[in-house]
Amino acid sequence: MLLSESSVEASVRRLLSDGGQNEETFDRAEEMLDELRPESPLRHRLSQELDELRALAASSK
């Protein structure tokens, strides 16, 4: 069963703000995004944001 876009978006945002920004958190967020339809614009947008956050986290180490 696919989760609603709004519930996935809220969960991902909450995870990234509460869980810190580390590889484990990014992986969990990515798993949540996999619950969205492949053609979902939200999935595409959040995937891009996640990639940017990963790059920022990697550059700050």
N, C-alpha and C. Protein backbone atom coordinates (compact mmCIF):
# COMPACT_ATOMS: atom_id res chain seq x y z
N MET A 1 0.84 -1.18 0.00
CA MET A 1 0.00 0.00 0.00
C MET A 1 0.89 1.25 0.00
N LEU A 2 0.57 2.17 -0.87
CA LEU A 2 1.33 3.41 -0.94
C LEU A 2 0.78 4.40 0.08
N LEU A 3 1.68 5.11 0.71
CA LEU A 3 1.27 6.14 1.66
C LEU A 3 0.87 7.39 0.91
N SER A 4 0.10 8.25 1.55
CA SER A 4 -0.29 9.49 0.90
C SER A 4 0.92 10.41 0.80
N GLU A 5 0.91 11.27 -0.19
CA GLU A 5 2.03 12.19 -0.39
C GLU A 5 2.21 13.10 0.82
N SER A 6 1.11 13.57 1.38
CA SER A 6 1.23 14.49 2.51
C SER A 6 1.82 13.80 3.73
N SER A 7 1.47 12.53 3.97
CA SER A 7 2.03 11.83 5.13
C SER A 7 3.51 11.53 4.92
N VAL A 8 3.91 11.20 3.70
CA VAL A 8 5.32 10.95 3.43
C VAL A 8 6.12 12.25 3.58
N GLU A 9 5.59 13.34 3.03
CA GLU A 9 6.30 14.62 3.12
C GLU A 9 6.49 15.02 4.58
N ALA A 10 5.43 14.92 5.38
CA ALA A 10 5.52 15.29 6.79
C ALA A 10 6.51 14.40 7.53
N SER A 11 6.49 13.11 7.24
CA SER A 11 7.40 12.18 7.91
C SER A 11 8.85 12.45 7.54
N VAL A 12 9.11 12.71 6.27
CA VAL A 12 10.48 12.98 5.84
C VAL A 12 10.99 14.27 6.46
N ARG A 13 10.18 15.30 6.44
CA ARG A 13 10.60 16.58 7.01
C ARG A 13 10.84 16.46 8.52
N ARG A 14 9.97 15.74 9.20
CA ARG A 14 10.13 15.53 10.64
C ARG A 14 11.41 14.73 10.92
N LEU A 15 11.64 13.70 10.16
CA LEU A 15 12.84 12.88 10.34
C LEU A 15 14.10 13.71 10.15
N LEU A 16 14.13 14.52 9.11
CA LEU A 16 15.33 15.31 8.84
C LEU A 16 15.55 16.41 9.86
N SER A 17 14.48 16.92 10.46
CA SER A 17 14.67 17.97 11.46
C SER A 17 14.95 17.39 12.84
N ASP A 18 14.36 16.24 13.16
CA ASP A 18 14.53 15.64 14.49
C ASP A 18 15.68 14.65 14.56
N GLY A 19 15.95 13.97 13.45
CA GLY A 19 16.91 12.87 13.48
C GLY A 19 18.34 13.27 13.18
N GLY A 20 18.56 14.54 12.96
CA GLY A 20 19.91 14.94 12.57
C GLY A 20 20.13 14.60 11.10
N GLN A 21 21.20 15.10 10.56
CA GLN A 21 21.44 14.84 9.15
C GLN A 21 22.70 13.99 9.02
N ASN A 22 22.48 12.68 9.05
CA ASN A 22 23.55 11.73 8.88
C ASN A 22 23.11 10.67 7.87
N GLU A 23 24.00 9.80 7.50
CA GLU A 23 23.70 8.84 6.44
C GLU A 23 22.52 7.93 6.79
N GLU A 24 22.43 7.54 8.05
CA GLU A 24 21.32 6.69 8.47
C GLU A 24 19.98 7.40 8.29
N THR A 25 19.93 8.66 8.67
CA THR A 25 18.72 9.45 8.51
C THR A 25 18.37 9.62 7.04
N PHE A 26 19.37 9.90 6.21
CA PHE A 26 19.14 10.04 4.78
C PHE A 26 18.60 8.74 4.18
N ASP A 27 19.15 7.62 4.61
CA ASP A 27 18.68 6.33 4.10
C ASP A 27 17.23 6.07 4.50
N ARG A 28 16.88 6.40 5.74
CA ARG A 28 15.49 6.22 6.18
C ARG A 28 14.55 7.12 5.39
N ALA A 29 14.97 8.36 5.13
CA ALA A 29 14.14 9.28 4.35
C ALA A 29 13.96 8.74 2.93
N GLU A 30 15.01 8.19 2.37
CA GLU A 30 14.93 7.64 1.02
C GLU A 30 13.96 6.46 0.97
N GLU A 31 13.96 5.64 2.01
CA GLU A 31 13.01 4.53 2.09
C GLU A 31 11.57 5.04 2.09
N MET A 32 11.34 6.14 2.80
CA MET A 32 10.00 6.73 2.82
C MET A 32 9.62 7.23 1.43
N LEU A 33 10.57 7.83 0.72
CA LEU A 33 10.28 8.33 -0.62
C LEU A 33 9.94 7.20 -1.57
N ASP A 34 10.49 6.02 -1.31
CA ASP A 34 10.18 4.86 -2.14
C ASP A 34 8.72 4.45 -2.02
N GLU A 35 8.04 4.93 -0.99
CA GLU A 35 6.61 4.63 -0.82
C GLU A 35 5.74 5.44 -1.79
N LEU A 36 6.32 6.49 -2.37
CA LEU A 36 5.56 7.32 -3.32
C LEU A 36 5.64 6.71 -4.72
N ARG A 37 4.66 7.03 -5.53
CA ARG A 37 4.65 6.58 -6.92
C ARG A 37 5.91 7.10 -7.62
N PRO A 38 6.50 6.30 -8.50
CA PRO A 38 7.72 6.74 -9.20
C PRO A 38 7.54 8.04 -9.98
N GLU A 39 6.34 8.29 -10.47
CA GLU A 39 6.11 9.50 -11.28
C GLU A 39 5.68 10.70 -10.45
N SER A 40 5.65 10.55 -9.15
CA SER A 40 5.19 11.62 -8.26
C SER A 40 6.12 12.83 -8.31
N PRO A 41 5.58 14.02 -8.57
CA PRO A 41 6.40 15.23 -8.54
C PRO A 41 6.99 15.48 -7.14
N LEU A 42 6.25 15.12 -6.11
CA LEU A 42 6.75 15.29 -4.74
C LEU A 42 7.96 14.39 -4.51
N ARG A 43 7.88 13.16 -5.01
CA ARG A 43 9.03 12.24 -4.87
C ARG A 43 10.26 12.83 -5.54
N HIS A 44 10.06 13.37 -6.71
CA HIS A 44 11.18 13.96 -7.45
C HIS A 44 11.77 15.15 -6.68
N ARG A 45 10.90 16.04 -6.19
CA ARG A 45 11.35 17.23 -5.46
C ARG A 45 12.06 16.87 -4.17
N LEU A 46 11.47 15.97 -3.38
CA LEU A 46 12.10 15.59 -2.12
C LEU A 46 13.40 14.82 -2.34
N SER A 47 13.47 14.05 -3.41
CA SER A 47 14.72 13.35 -3.74
C SER A 47 15.83 14.34 -4.04
N GLN A 48 15.49 15.39 -4.77
CA GLN A 48 16.48 16.43 -5.06
C GLN A 48 16.93 17.13 -3.78
N GLU A 49 15.98 17.46 -2.92
CA GLU A 49 16.32 18.11 -1.65
C GLU A 49 17.20 17.20 -0.79
N LEU A 50 16.87 15.93 -0.77
CA LEU A 50 17.67 14.97 -0.01
C LEU A 50 19.09 14.88 -0.55
N ASP A 51 19.22 14.86 -1.87
CA ASP A 51 20.56 14.85 -2.49
C ASP A 51 21.36 16.09 -2.10
N GLU A 52 20.70 17.24 -2.09
CA GLU A 52 21.37 18.48 -1.71
C GLU A 52 21.81 18.45 -0.24
N LEU A 53 20.94 17.95 0.64
CA LEU A 53 21.29 17.86 2.06
C LEU A 53 22.44 16.90 2.27
N ARG A 54 22.43 15.79 1.54
CA ARG A 54 23.55 14.83 1.64
C ARG A 54 24.87 15.49 1.23
N ALA A 55 24.82 16.24 0.13
CA ALA A 55 26.03 16.91 -0.35
C ALA A 55 26.52 17.95 0.67
N LEU A 56 25.59 18.70 1.26
CA LEU A 56 25.98 19.68 2.29
C LEU A 56 26.58 19.00 3.51
N ALA A 57 25.97 17.91 3.93
CA ALA A 57 26.49 17.18 5.09
C ALA A 57 27.87 16.61 4.81
N ALA A 58 28.08 16.12 3.60
CA ALA A 58 29.38 15.55 3.24
C ALA A 58 30.45 16.64 3.16
N SER A 59 30.08 17.82 2.67
CA SER A 59 31.07 18.89 2.53
C SER A 59 31.42 19.54 3.86
N SER A 60 30.57 19.37 4.86
CA SER A 60 30.85 19.98 6.15
C SER A 60 31.68 19.08 7.06
N LYS A 61 32.02 17.91 6.58
CA LYS A 61 32.83 16.96 7.40
C LYS A 61 34.29 17.22 7.22
